[in-house]
C-alpha atoms as a PDB file:
ATOM      1  CA  MET A   1       7.290 -15.867  12.567  1.00  0.00           C
ATOM      2  CA  VAL A   2       6.615 -19.014  14.624  1.00  0.00           C
ATOM      3  CA  ILE A   3       2.893 -18.880  13.734  1.00  0.00           C
ATOM      4  CA  HIS A   4       3.836 -18.562  10.070  1.00  0.00           C
ATOM      5  CA  HIS A   5       6.033 -21.670  10.181  1.00  0.00           C
ATOM      6  CA  LEU A   6       3.455 -23.610  12.201  1.00  0.00           C
ATOM      7  CA  SER A   7       0.854 -22.657   9.605  1.00  0.00           C
ATOM      8  CA  GLY A   8       3.049 -24.068   6.863  1.00  0.00           C
ATOM      9  CA  LEU A   9       3.433 -27.258   8.868  1.00  0.00           C
ATOM     10  CA  VAL A  10      -0.354 -27.549   9.330  1.00  0.00           C
ATOM     11  CA  VAL A  11      -0.941 -27.009   5.597  1.00  0.00           C
ATOM     12  CA  ALA A  12       1.671 -29.607   4.593  1.00  0.00           C
ATOM     13  CA  ALA A  13       0.477 -32.115   7.223  1.00  0.00           C
ATOM     14  CA  SER A  14      -3.137 -31.691   6.106  1.00  0.00           C
ATOM     15  CA  ALA A  15      -2.161 -32.271   2.478  1.00  0.00           C
ATOM     16  CA  ALA A  16      -0.200 -35.361   3.499  1.00  0.00           C
ATOM     17  CA  SER A  17      -3.237 -36.625   5.433  1.00  0.00           C
ATOM     18  CA  PHE A  18      -5.376 -36.229   2.296  1.00  0.00           C
ATOM     19  CA  ILE A  19      -2.881 -38.407   0.440  1.00  0.00           C
ATOM     20  CA  GLY A  20      -2.845 -40.840   3.376  1.00  0.00           C
ATOM     21  CA  PHE A  21      -6.631 -41.103   3.212  1.00  0.00           C
ATOM     22  CA  THR A  22      -6.327 -42.139  -0.431  1.00  0.00           C
ATOM     23  CA  VAL A  23      -3.878 -44.870   0.543  1.00  0.00           C
ATOM     24  CA  LEU A  24      -6.358 -46.027   3.206  1.00  0.00           C
ATOM     25  CA  VAL A  25      -9.185 -46.196   0.661  1.00  0.00           C
ATOM     26  CA  PHE A  26      -7.191 -48.445  -1.648  1.00  0.00           C
ATOM     27  CA  ALA A  27      -5.627 -50.516   1.150  1.00  0.00           C
ATOM     28  CA  ASN A  28      -8.635 -50.954   3.451  1.00  0.00           C
ATOM     29  CA  ARG A  29     -11.878 -49.603   2.044  1.00  0.00           C
ATOM     30  CA  ALA A  30     -13.925 -50.725   5.073  1.00  0.00           C
ATOM     31  CA  ALA A  31     -11.710 -48.718   7.435  1.00  0.00           C
ATOM     32  CA  ALA A  32     -12.038 -45.667   5.178  1.00  0.00           C
ATOM     33  CA  GLU A  33     -15.828 -46.038   5.199  1.00  0.00           C
ATOM     34  CA  ARG A  34     -15.867 -46.250   9.009  1.00  0.00           C
ATOM     35  CA  PHE A  35     -13.658 -43.165   9.185  1.00  0.00           C
ATOM     36  CA  LEU A  36     -16.071 -41.175   7.002  1.00  0.00           C
ATOM     37  CA  MET A  37     -19.174 -42.445   8.800  1.00  0.00           C
ATOM     38  CA  ASN A  38     -17.763 -41.163  12.105  1.00  0.00           C
ATOM     39  CA  PHE A  39     -18.168 -37.598  10.861  1.00  0.00           C
ATOM     40  CA  VAL A  40     -21.968 -37.821  11.126  1.00  0.00           C
ATOM     41  CA  SER A  41     -22.045 -39.808  14.344  1.00  0.00           C
ATOM     42  CA  SER A  42     -22.247 -37.074  17.011  1.00  0.00           C
ATOM     43  CA  ALA A  43     -22.067 -33.398  17.845  1.00  0.00           C
ATOM     44  CA  ARG A  44     -18.566 -33.968  19.213  1.00  0.00           C
ATOM     45  CA  THR A  45     -17.221 -35.315  15.898  1.00  0.00           C
ATOM     46  CA  HIS A  46     -19.018 -32.518  14.044  1.00  0.00           C
ATOM     47  CA  PHE A  47     -17.305 -29.846  16.127  1.00  0.00           C
ATOM     48  CA  MET A  48     -13.924 -31.597  15.974  1.00  0.00           C
ATOM     49  CA  GLU A  49     -14.178 -31.667  12.172  1.00  0.00           C
ATOM     50  CA  GLN A  50     -15.024 -27.956  12.095  1.00  0.00           C
ATOM     51  CA  ILE A  51     -12.149 -27.097  14.441  1.00  0.00           C
ATOM     52  CA  PHE A  52      -9.715 -28.953  12.191  1.00  0.00           C
ATOM     53  CA  ARG A  53     -11.189 -27.217   9.148  1.00  0.00           C
ATOM     54  CA  VAL A  54     -10.808 -23.792  10.789  1.00  0.00           C
ATOM     55  CA  LEU A  55      -7.214 -24.678  11.672  1.00  0.00           C
ATOM     56  CA  LEU A  56      -6.470 -25.675   8.065  1.00  0.00           C
ATOM     57  CA  GLY A  57      -8.285 -22.669   6.616  1.00  0.00           C
ATOM     58  CA  ALA A  58      -6.552 -20.191   8.919  1.00  0.00           C
ATOM     59  CA  SER A  59      -3.213 -21.843   8.201  1.00  0.00           C
ATOM     60  CA  LEU A  60      -3.824 -21.478   4.468  1.00  0.00           C
ATOM     61  CA  VAL A  61      -4.667 -17.792   4.931  1.00  0.00           C
ATOM     62  CA  ILE A  62      -1.512 -17.203   6.984  1.00  0.00           C
ATOM     63  CA  TYR A  63       0.881 -19.283   4.879  1.00  0.00           C
ATOM     64  CA  SER A  64      -0.562 -18.574   1.420  1.00  0.00           C
ATOM     65  CA  SER A  65       1.873 -15.703   0.788  1.00  0.00           C
ATOM     66  CA  GLU A  66       4.667 -18.301   0.607  1.00  0.00           C
ATOM     67  CA  MET A  67       2.742 -20.629  -1.685  1.00  0.00           C
ATOM     68  CA  TRP A  68       2.432 -20.989  -5.436  1.00  0.00           C
ATOM     69  CA  GLN A  69      -0.794 -19.234  -6.528  1.00  0.00           C
ATOM     70  CA  ALA A  70      -0.952 -17.371  -3.226  1.00  0.00           C
ATOM     71  CA  GLU A  71      -4.198 -15.510  -3.865  1.00  0.00           C
ATOM     72  CA  ILE A  72      -6.093 -18.679  -4.790  1.00  0.00           C
ATOM     73  CA  PHE A  73      -4.987 -20.406  -1.595  1.00  0.00           C
ATOM     74  CA  ARG A  74      -5.739 -17.322   0.507  1.00  0.00           C
ATOM     75  CA  VAL A  75      -9.316 -17.241  -0.836  1.00  0.00           C
ATOM     76  CA  PHE A  76      -9.604 -21.039  -0.445  1.00  0.00           C
ATOM     77  CA  GLY A  77      -8.494 -20.680   3.181  1.00  0.00           C
ATOM     78  CA  TRP A  78     -11.116 -18.009   3.870  1.00  0.00           C
ATOM     79  CA  VAL A  79     -13.825 -20.155   2.251  1.00  0.00           C
ATOM     80  CA  ILE A  80     -12.887 -23.024   4.561  1.00  0.00           C
ATOM     81  CA  VAL A  81     -12.868 -20.767   7.658  1.00  0.00           C
ATOM     82  CA  VAL A  82     -16.176 -19.050   6.885  1.00  0.00           C
ATOM     83  CA  SER A  83     -18.005 -22.250   5.913  1.00  0.00           C
ATOM     84  CA  SER A  84     -16.720 -23.996   9.043  1.00  0.00           C
ATOM     85  CA  VAL A  85     -17.821 -21.171  11.333  1.00  0.00           C
ATOM     86  CA  VAL A  86     -21.258 -21.184   9.700  1.00  0.00           C
ATOM     87  CA  LEU A  87     -21.504 -24.950  10.265  1.00  0.00           C
ATOM     88  CA  MET A  88     -20.546 -24.451  13.928  1.00  0.00           C
ATOM     89  CA  LEU A  89     -23.285 -21.849  14.374  1.00  0.00           C
ATOM     90  CA  LEU A  90     -26.016 -23.980  12.801  1.00  0.00           C
ATOM     91  CA  PRO A  91     -27.544 -26.921  14.656  1.00  0.00           C
ATOM     92  CA  TRP A  92     -25.178 -29.854  14.117  1.00  0.00           C
ATOM     93  CA  GLN A  93     -28.111 -32.095  13.209  1.00  0.00           C
ATOM     94  CA  TRP A  94     -28.485 -30.149   9.943  1.00  0.00           C
ATOM     95  CA  HIS A  95     -24.940 -31.055   8.995  1.00  0.00           C
ATOM     96  CA  GLN A  96     -25.625 -34.620  10.124  1.00  0.00           C
ATOM     97  CA  ARG A  97     -28.704 -34.856   7.863  1.00  0.00           C
ATOM     98  CA  LEU A  98     -26.727 -33.530   4.915  1.00  0.00           C
ATOM     99  CA  GLY A  99     -23.938 -36.001   5.661  1.00  0.00           C
ATOM    100  CA  LYS A 100     -26.386 -38.886   5.731  1.00  0.00           C
ATOM    101  CA  ILE A 101     -27.486 -37.895   2.234  1.00  0.00           C
ATOM    102  CA  GLU A 102     -23.977 -37.290   0.856  1.00  0.00           C
ATOM    103  CA  LEU A 103     -22.051 -40.149   2.473  1.00  0.00           C
ATOM    104  CA  PRO A 104     -23.804 -43.011   0.638  1.00  0.00           C
ATOM    105  CA  ILE A 105     -22.922 -41.269  -2.640  1.00  0.00           C
ATOM    106  CA  ILE A 106     -19.313 -40.733  -1.546  1.00  0.00           C
ATOM    107  CA  ILE A 107     -19.045 -44.344  -0.395  1.00  0.00           C
ATOM    108  CA  ARG A 108     -20.532 -45.596  -3.667  1.00  0.00           C
ATOM    109  CA  TYR A 109     -17.854 -43.691  -5.588  1.00  0.00           C
ATOM    110  CA  MET A 110     -15.167 -44.044  -2.906  1.00  0.00           C
ATOM    111  CA  ARG A 111     -12.236 -44.574  -5.263  1.00  0.00           C
ATOM    112  CA  LEU A 112     -13.129 -41.580  -7.413  1.00  0.00           C
ATOM    113  CA  TYR A 113     -13.570 -39.499  -4.253  1.00  0.00           C
ATOM    114  CA  ALA A 114     -10.188 -40.705  -2.990  1.00  0.00           C
ATOM    115  CA  ILE A 115      -8.517 -39.726  -6.255  1.00  0.00           C
ATOM    116  CA  CYS A 116     -10.001 -36.229  -5.921  1.00  0.00           C
ATOM    117  CA  VAL A 117      -8.807 -36.005  -2.304  1.00  0.00           C
ATOM    118  CA  PHE A 118      -5.354 -37.206  -3.407  1.00  0.00           C
ATOM    119  CA  SER A 119      -5.297 -34.562  -6.149  1.00  0.00           C
ATOM    120  CA  MET A 120      -6.154 -31.820  -3.685  1.00  0.00           C
ATOM    121  CA  GLY A 121      -3.409 -32.991  -1.328  1.00  0.00           C
ATOM    122  CA  ALA A 122      -0.878 -33.179  -4.155  1.00  0.00           C
ATOM    123  CA  VAL A 123      -1.728 -29.679  -5.422  1.00  0.00           C
ATOM    124  CA  ILE A 124      -1.440 -28.237  -1.910  1.00  0.00           C
ATOM    125  CA  LEU A 125       1.942 -29.929  -1.375  1.00  0.00           C
ATOM    126  CA  TYR A 126       3.083 -28.657  -4.764  1.00  0.00           C
ATOM    127  CA  ALA A 127       1.964 -25.150  -3.807  1.00  0.00           C
ATOM    128  CA  VAL A 128       3.862 -25.355  -0.517  1.00  0.00           C
ATOM    129  CA  PHE A 129       7.157 -26.777  -1.782  1.00  0.00           C
ATOM    130  CA  VAL A 130       7.654 -25.540  -5.349  1.00  0.00           C
ATOM    131  CA  PRO A 131       8.362 -21.892  -4.401  1.00  0.00           C
ATOM    132  CA  GLN A 132      10.999 -23.119  -1.941  1.00  0.00           C
ATOM    133  CA  LEU A 133      12.574 -25.464  -4.467  1.00  0.00           C
ATOM    134  CA  MET A 134      12.722 -22.695  -7.038  1.00  0.00           C
ATOM    135  CA  GLY A 135      14.379 -20.338  -4.578  1.00  0.00           C
ATOM    136  CA  LYS A 136      11.482 -17.866  -4.470  1.00  0.00           C
ATOM    137  CA  VAL A 137      11.222 -17.874  -0.706  1.00  0.00           C
END
């Protein structure tokens, strides 16, 4: 039961951090760019990112039964876990090369990217809290 509640906390905190990233983009774009560029800076940041992704994905899998559209979030969680494990097994430089191609595009369209990240965070928070507000939990 404790793991279940901790998973819900991780899911909600991750969604809130997605929304917080959007605020950062609109408040201090340069800081948001530096934050994103750190993800391709070293093997250490690569593995830290993957560990956080596995944590979020596993938390989604565990907590999805309490969420709105449970099956969608369960599958989404497994996609995050599997893709993160694959990225951990591949040489990190491959991910770094891909990031160096993708990041200039993301930075060019930073506000649009931030709106998408915000939307994902908002949908996840909705999925976490609506069942509880409607008394379905």
